[in-house]
């Protein structure tokens, strides 16, 4: 997978839970117990992980390239 494709996938994975979080905050869906549970257990951690991955992607990929280039 190319770096551009990886970034596009991470961005999409970041935007979907962001929309769910916006719906949770600004609509009456916060009163629905199942939606609240999904937002709290799935969306918020996924936002954190994808945000970190987008932020640190250059460092992670550079480290992977260095490790792959090292002789074993």
PDB file of N, CA and C in Angstrom:
ATOM      1  N   UNK A   1       0.841  -1.163   0.000  1.00  0.00           N
ATOM      2  CA  UNK A   1       0.000   0.000   0.000  1.00  0.00           C
ATOM      3  C   UNK A   1       0.893   1.235   0.000  1.00  0.00           C
ATOM      4  N   UNK A   2       0.580   2.157  -0.881  1.00  0.00           N
ATOM      5  CA  UNK A   2       1.387   3.363  -0.971  1.00  0.00           C
ATOM      6  C   UNK A   2       1.088   4.293   0.204  1.00  0.00           C
ATOM      7  N   UNK A   3       1.980   5.219   0.411  1.00  0.00           N
ATOM      8  CA  UNK A   3       1.831   6.171   1.511  1.00  0.00           C
ATOM      9  C   UNK A   3       0.590   7.033   1.285  1.00  0.00           C
ATOM     10  N   UNK A   4       0.362   7.418   0.055  1.00  0.00           N
ATOM     11  CA  UNK A   4      -0.807   8.247  -0.258  1.00  0.00           C
ATOM     12  C   UNK A   4      -2.101   7.488   0.030  1.00  0.00           C
ATOM     13  N   UNK A   5      -2.132   6.222  -0.344  1.00  0.00           N
ATOM     14  CA  UNK A   5      -3.328   5.394  -0.112  1.00  0.00           C
ATOM     15  C   UNK A   5      -3.535   5.156   1.397  1.00  0.00           C
ATOM     16  N   UNK A   6      -2.450   4.908   2.110  1.00  0.00           N
ATOM     17  CA  UNK A   6      -2.533   4.706   3.554  1.00  0.00           C
ATOM     18  C   UNK A   6      -3.081   5.952   4.240  1.00  0.00           C
ATOM     19  N   UNK A   7      -2.611   7.106   3.832  1.00  0.00           N
ATOM     20  CA  UNK A   7      -3.092   8.360   4.422  1.00  0.00           C
ATOM     21  C   UNK A   7      -4.572   8.581   4.120  1.00  0.00           C
ATOM     22  N   UNK A   8      -5.011   8.246   2.918  1.00  0.00           N
ATOM     23  CA  UNK A   8      -6.418   8.395   2.564  1.00  0.00           C
ATOM     24  C   UNK A   8      -7.305   7.464   3.400  1.00  0.00           C
ATOM     25  N   UNK A   9      -6.839   6.239   3.615  1.00  0.00           N
ATOM     26  CA  UNK A   9      -7.598   5.284   4.429  1.00  0.00           C
ATOM     27  C   UNK A   9      -7.656   5.760   5.876  1.00  0.00           C
ATOM     28  N   UNK A  10      -6.532   6.207   6.412  1.00  0.00           N
ATOM     29  CA  UNK A  10      -6.517   6.707   7.788  1.00  0.00           C
ATOM     30  C   UNK A  10      -7.409   7.942   7.947  1.00  0.00           C
ATOM     31  N   UNK A  11      -7.388   8.800   6.946  1.00  0.00           N
ATOM     32  CA  UNK A  11      -8.224   9.999   7.008  1.00  0.00           C
ATOM     33  C   UNK A  11      -9.706   9.623   7.014  1.00  0.00           C
ATOM     34  N   UNK A  12     -10.085   8.656   6.187  1.00  0.00           N
ATOM     35  CA  UNK A  12     -11.480   8.211   6.157  1.00  0.00           C
ATOM     36  C   UNK A  12     -11.858   7.561   7.488  1.00  0.00           C
ATOM     37  N   UNK A  13     -10.946   6.735   8.024  1.00  0.00           N
ATOM     38  CA  UNK A  13     -11.206   6.115   9.320  1.00  0.00           C
ATOM     39  C   UNK A  13     -11.271   7.147  10.446  1.00  0.00           C
ATOM     40  N   UNK A  14     -10.697   8.286  10.240  1.00  0.00           N
ATOM     41  CA  UNK A  14     -10.730   9.346  11.240  1.00  0.00           C
ATOM     42  C   UNK A  14     -12.015  10.176  11.110  1.00  0.00           C
ATOM     43  N   UNK A  15     -12.469  10.386   9.890  1.00  0.00           N
ATOM     44  CA  UNK A  15     -13.639  11.228   9.677  1.00  0.00           C
ATOM     45  C   UNK A  15     -14.947  10.553  10.064  1.00  0.00           C
ATOM     46  N   UNK A  16     -15.052   9.249   9.875  1.00  0.00           N
ATOM     47  CA  UNK A  16     -16.298   8.547  10.192  1.00  0.00           C
ATOM     48  C   UNK A  16     -16.631   8.646  11.682  1.00  0.00           C
ATOM     49  N   UNK A  17     -15.719   8.307  12.591  1.00  0.00           N
ATOM     50  CA  UNK A  17     -16.067   8.485  14.003  1.00  0.00           C
ATOM     51  C   UNK A  17     -16.184   9.954  14.415  1.00  0.00           C
ATOM     52  N   UNK A  18     -15.524  10.840  13.687  1.00  0.00           N
ATOM     53  CA  UNK A  18     -15.670  12.264  13.996  1.00  0.00           C
ATOM     54  C   UNK A  18     -17.098  12.715  13.723  1.00  0.00           C
ATOM     55  N   UNK A  19     -17.685  12.221  12.655  1.00  0.00           N
ATOM     56  CA  UNK A  19     -19.081  12.542  12.352  1.00  0.00           C
ATOM     57  C   UNK A  19     -19.990  11.967  13.436  1.00  0.00           C
ATOM     58  N   UNK A  20     -19.711  10.743  13.875  1.00  0.00           N
ATOM     59  CA  UNK A  20     -20.508  10.142  14.947  1.00  0.00           C
ATOM     60  C   UNK A  20     -20.392  10.969  16.230  1.00  0.00           C
ATOM     61  N   UNK A  21     -19.214  11.465  16.527  1.00  0.00           N
ATOM     62  CA  UNK A  21     -19.030  12.280  17.721  1.00  0.00           C
ATOM     63  C   UNK A  21     -19.778  13.609  17.609  1.00  0.00           C
ATOM     64  N   UNK A  22     -19.762  14.218  16.444  1.00  0.00           N
ATOM     65  CA  UNK A  22     -20.513  15.461  16.224  1.00  0.00           C
ATOM     66  C   UNK A  22     -22.009  15.205  16.387  1.00  0.00           C
ATOM     67  N   UNK A  23     -22.489  14.096  15.840  1.00  0.00           N
ATOM     68  CA  UNK A  23     -23.907  13.748  16.018  1.00  0.00           C
ATOM     69  C   UNK A  23     -24.237  13.531  17.486  1.00  0.00           C
ATOM     70  N   UNK A  24     -23.340  12.918  18.196  1.00  0.00           N
ATOM     71  CA  UNK A  24     -23.545  12.666  19.628  1.00  0.00           C
ATOM     72  C   UNK A  24     -23.639  13.974  20.414  1.00  0.00           C
ATOM     73  N   UNK A  25     -22.812  14.933  20.076  1.00  0.00           N
ATOM     74  CA  UNK A  25     -22.753  16.182  20.832  1.00  0.00           C
ATOM     75  C   UNK A  25     -23.892  17.128  20.447  1.00  0.00           C
ATOM     76  N   UNK A  26     -24.208  17.232  19.158  1.00  0.00           N
ATOM     77  CA  UNK A  26     -25.114  18.284  18.697  1.00  0.00           C
ATOM     78  C   UNK A  26     -26.524  17.813  18.357  1.00  0.00           C
ATOM     79  N   UNK A  27     -26.866  16.564  18.562  1.00  0.00           N
ATOM     80  CA  UNK A  27     -28.226  16.089  18.284  1.00  0.00           C
ATOM     81  C   UNK A  27     -28.769  15.368  19.505  1.00  0.00           C
ATOM     82  N   UNK A  28     -30.050  15.075  19.508  1.00  0.00           N
ATOM     83  CA  UNK A  28     -30.623  14.340  20.643  1.00  0.00           C
ATOM     84  C   UNK A  28     -30.263  12.848  20.640  1.00  0.00           C
ATOM     85  N   UNK A  29     -29.390  12.423  19.751  1.00  0.00           N
ATOM     86  CA  UNK A  29     -28.982  11.019  19.728  1.00  0.00           C
ATOM     87  C   UNK A  29     -28.200  10.622  20.981  1.00  0.00           C
ATOM     88  N   UNK A  30     -27.751  11.590  21.740  1.00  0.00           N
ATOM     89  CA  UNK A  30     -27.015  11.281  22.963  1.00  0.00           C
ATOM     90  C   UNK A  30     -27.897  10.556  23.969  1.00  0.00           C
ATOM     91  N   UNK A  31     -29.205  10.684  23.816  1.00  0.00           N
ATOM     92  CA  UNK A  31     -30.134  10.011  24.722  1.00  0.00           C
ATOM     93  C   UNK A  31     -30.323   8.541  24.378  1.00  0.00           C
ATOM     94  N   UNK A  32     -29.918   8.126  23.182  1.00  0.00           N
ATOM     95  CA  UNK A  32     -30.042   6.730  22.770  1.00  0.00           C
ATOM     96  C   UNK A  32     -28.871   5.953  23.363  1.00  0.00           C
ATOM     97  N   UNK A  33     -29.178   4.996  24.218  1.00  0.00           N
ATOM     98  CA  UNK A  33     -28.140   4.277  24.972  1.00  0.00           C
ATOM     99  C   UNK A  33     -27.158   3.531  24.066  1.00  0.00           C
ATOM    100  N   UNK A  34     -27.662   2.862  23.023  1.00  0.00           N
ATOM    101  CA  UNK A  34     -26.765   2.097  22.150  1.00  0.00           C
ATOM    102  C   UNK A  34     -25.830   3.017  21.362  1.00  0.00           C
ATOM    103  N   UNK A  35     -26.338   4.160  20.911  1.00  0.00           N
ATOM    104  CA  UNK A  35     -25.488   5.107  20.184  1.00  0.00           C
ATOM    105  C   UNK A  35     -24.423   5.681  21.107  1.00  0.00           C
ATOM    106  N   UNK A  36     -24.811   5.988  22.326  1.00  0.00           N
ATOM    107  CA  UNK A  36     -23.862   6.517  23.309  1.00  0.00           C
ATOM    108  C   UNK A  36     -22.745   5.514  23.576  1.00  0.00           C
ATOM    109  N   UNK A  37     -23.120   4.245  23.714  1.00  0.00           N
ATOM    110  CA  UNK A  37     -22.130   3.210  23.974  1.00  0.00           C
ATOM    111  C   UNK A  37     -21.154   3.069  22.806  1.00  0.00           C
ATOM    112  N   UNK A  38     -21.680   3.085  21.585  1.00  0.00           N
ATOM    113  CA  UNK A  38     -20.816   2.967  20.395  1.00  0.00           C
ATOM    114  C   UNK A  38     -19.857   4.146  20.319  1.00  0.00           C
ATOM    115  N   UNK A  39     -20.361   5.339  20.584  1.00  0.00           N
ATOM    116  CA  UNK A  39     -19.495   6.520  20.516  1.00  0.00           C
ATOM    117  C   UNK A  39     -18.404   6.445  21.580  1.00  0.00           C
ATOM    118  N   UNK A  40     -18.767   6.045  22.791  1.00  0.00           N
ATOM    119  CA  UNK A  40     -17.798   6.027  23.876  1.00  0.00           C
ATOM    120  C   UNK A  40     -16.781   4.896  23.742  1.00  0.00           C
ATOM    121  N   UNK A  41     -17.206   3.743  23.278  1.00  0.00           N
ATOM    122  CA  UNK A  41     -16.316   2.577  23.263  1.00  0.00           C
ATOM    123  C   UNK A  41     -15.568   2.420  21.945  1.00  0.00           C
ATOM    124  N   UNK A  42     -16.179   2.856  20.847  1.00  0.00           N
ATOM    125  CA  UNK A  42     -15.554   2.646  19.536  1.00  0.00           C
ATOM    126  C   UNK A  42     -15.024   3.949  18.944  1.00  0.00           C
ATOM    127  N   UNK A  43     -15.870   4.959  18.862  1.00  0.00           N
ATOM    128  CA  UNK A  43     -15.509   6.175  18.129  1.00  0.00           C
ATOM    129  C   UNK A  43     -14.382   6.972  18.773  1.00  0.00           C
ATOM    130  N   UNK A  44     -14.464   7.204  20.061  1.00  0.00           N
ATOM    131  CA  UNK A  44     -13.442   8.038  20.713  1.00  0.00           C
ATOM    132  C   UNK A  44     -12.061   7.373  20.670  1.00  0.00           C
ATOM    133  N   UNK A  45     -11.929   6.082  21.016  1.00  0.00           N
ATOM    134  CA  UNK A  45     -10.602   5.462  20.888  1.00  0.00           C
ATOM    135  C   UNK A  45     -10.100   5.413  19.438  1.00  0.00           C
ATOM    136  N   UNK A  46     -11.022   5.167  18.485  1.00  0.00           N
ATOM    137  CA  UNK A  46     -10.614   5.137  17.084  1.00  0.00           C
ATOM    138  C   UNK A  46     -10.136   6.504  16.630  1.00  0.00           C
ATOM    139  N   UNK A  47     -10.794   7.560  17.097  1.00  0.00           N
ATOM    140  CA  UNK A  47     -10.323   8.912  16.775  1.00  0.00           C
ATOM    141  C   UNK A  47      -8.915   9.148  17.316  1.00  0.00           C
ATOM    142  N   UNK A  48      -8.677   8.702  18.530  1.00  0.00           N
ATOM    143  CA  UNK A  48      -7.336   8.872  19.105  1.00  0.00           C
ATOM    144  C   UNK A  48      -6.277   8.103  18.343  1.00  0.00           C
ATOM    145  N   UNK A  49      -6.568   6.859  18.029  1.00  0.00           N
ATOM    146  CA  UNK A  49      -5.579   6.027  17.319  1.00  0.00           C
ATOM    147  C   UNK A  49      -5.304   6.531  15.909  1.00  0.00           C
ATOM    148  N   UNK A  50      -6.356   6.870  15.171  1.00  0.00           N
ATOM    149  CA  UNK A  50      -6.133   7.356  13.810  1.00  0.00           C
ATOM    150  C   UNK A  50      -5.478   8.731  13.821  1.00  0.00           C
ATOM    151  N   UNK A  51      -5.807   9.546  14.813  1.00  0.00           N
ATOM    152  CA  UNK A  51      -5.149  10.853  14.925  1.00  0.00           C
ATOM    153  C   UNK A  51      -3.659  10.707  15.172  1.00  0.00           C
ATOM    154  N   UNK A  52      -3.311   9.800  16.086  1.00  0.00           N
ATOM    155  CA  UNK A  52      -1.885   9.536  16.327  1.00  0.00           C
ATOM    156  C   UNK A  52      -1.203   8.964  15.094  1.00  0.00           C
ATOM    157  N   UNK A  53      -1.873   8.071  14.411  1.00  0.00           N
ATOM    158  CA  UNK A  53      -1.288   7.465  13.208  1.00  0.00           C
ATOM    159  C   UNK A  53      -1.072   8.509  12.119  1.00  0.00           C
ATOM    160  N   UNK A  54      -2.033   9.409  11.930  1.00  0.00           N
ATOM    161  CA  UNK A  54      -1.856  10.463  10.930  1.00  0.00           C
ATOM    162  C   UNK A  54      -0.731  11.415  11.320  1.00  0.00           C
ATOM    163  N   UNK A  55      -0.626  11.708  12.597  1.00  0.00           N
ATOM    164  CA  UNK A  55       0.380  12.639  13.084  1.00  0.00           C
ATOM    165  C   UNK A  55       1.780  12.038  13.003  1.00  0.00           C
ATOM    166  N   UNK A  56       1.914  10.774  13.376  1.00  0.00           N
ATOM    167  CA  UNK A  56       3.217  10.143  13.459  1.00  0.00           C
ATOM    168  C   UNK A  56       3.553   9.263  12.258  1.00  0.00           C
ATOM    169  N   UNK A  57       2.740   9.255  11.231  1.00  0.00           N
ATOM    170  CA  UNK A  57       2.961   8.375  10.078  1.00  0.00           C
ATOM    171  C   UNK A  57       4.354   8.529   9.455  1.00  0.00           C
ATOM    172  N   UNK A  58       4.855   9.731   9.240  1.00  0.00           N
ATOM    173  CA  UNK A  58       6.196   9.838   8.656  1.00  0.00           C
ATOM    174  C   UNK A  58       7.268   9.159   9.512  1.00  0.00           C
ATOM    175  N   UNK A  59       7.203   9.325  10.812  1.00  0.00           N
ATOM    176  CA  UNK A  59       8.199   8.691  11.695  1.00  0.00           C
ATOM    177  C   UNK A  59       8.052   7.176  11.695  1.00  0.00           C
ATOM    178  N   UNK A  60       6.824   6.699  11.740  1.00  0.00           N
ATOM    179  CA  UNK A  60       6.584   5.254  11.747  1.00  0.00           C
ATOM    180  C   UNK A  60       7.090   4.627  10.452  1.00  0.00           C
ATOM    181  N   UNK A  61       6.764   5.248   9.327  1.00  0.00           N
ATOM    182  CA  UNK A  61       7.194   4.695   8.035  1.00  0.00           C
ATOM    183  C   UNK A  61       8.709   4.767   7.868  1.00  0.00           C
ATOM    184  N   UNK A  62       9.340   5.842   8.356  1.00  0.00           N
ATOM    185  CA  UNK A  62      10.797   5.950   8.260  1.00  0.00           C
ATOM    186  C   UNK A  62      11.466   4.869   9.104  1.00  0.00           C
ATOM    187  N   UNK A  63      10.935   4.607  10.275  1.00  0.00           N
ATOM    188  CA  UNK A  63      11.494   3.560  11.131  1.00  0.00           C
ATOM    189  C   UNK A  63      11.332   2.185  10.475  1.00  0.00           C
ATOM    190  N   UNK A  64      10.188   1.951   9.865  1.00  0.00           N
ATOM    191  CA  UNK A  64       9.975   0.661   9.177  1.00  0.00           C
ATOM    192  C   UNK A  64      10.951   0.500   8.012  1.00  0.00           C
ATOM    193  N   UNK A  65      11.185   1.595   7.277  1.00  0.00           N
ATOM    194  CA  UNK A  65      12.134   1.529   6.154  1.00  0.00           C
ATOM    195  C   UNK A  65      13.546   1.252   6.645  1.00  0.00           C
ATOM    196  N   UNK A  66      13.952   1.888   7.741  1.00  0.00           N
ATOM    197  CA  UNK A  66      15.287   1.652   8.297  1.00  0.00           C
ATOM    198  C   UNK A  66      15.446   0.236   8.754  1.00  0.00           C
ATOM    199  N   UNK A  67      14.442  -0.301   9.419  1.00  0.00           N
ATOM    200  CA  UNK A  67      14.515  -1.685   9.895  1.00  0.00           C
ATOM    201  C   UNK A  67      14.576  -2.678   8.737  1.00  0.00           C
ATOM    202  N   UNK A  68      13.857  -2.389   7.664  1.00  0.00           N
ATOM    203  CA  UNK A  68      13.858  -3.276   6.508  1.00  0.00           C
ATOM    204  C   UNK A  68      15.212  -3.240   5.797  1.00  0.00           C
ATOM    205  N   UNK A  69      15.909  -2.097   5.865  1.00  0.00           N
ATOM    206  CA  UNK A  69      17.189  -1.958   5.193  1.00  0.00           C
ATOM    207  C   UNK A  69      18.346  -2.552   5.992  1.00  0.00           C
ATOM    208  N   UNK A  70      18.154  -2.778   7.284  1.00  0.00           N
ATOM    209  CA  UNK A  70      19.223  -3.335   8.114  1.00  0.00           C
ATOM    210  C   UNK A  70      19.488  -4.799   7.735  1.00  0.00           C
ATOM    211  N   UNK A  71      20.765  -5.157   7.677  1.00  0.00           N
ATOM    212  CA  UNK A  71      21.067  -6.570   7.407  1.00  0.00           C
ATOM    213  C   UNK A  71      20.702  -7.429   8.630  1.00  0.00           C
ATOM    214  N   UNK A  72      20.282  -8.626   8.338  1.00  0.00           N
ATOM    215  CA  UNK A  72      19.882  -9.517   9.440  1.00  0.00           C
ATOM    216  C   UNK A  72      20.952 -10.489   9.779  1.00  0.00           C
TER     217      UNK A  72
END
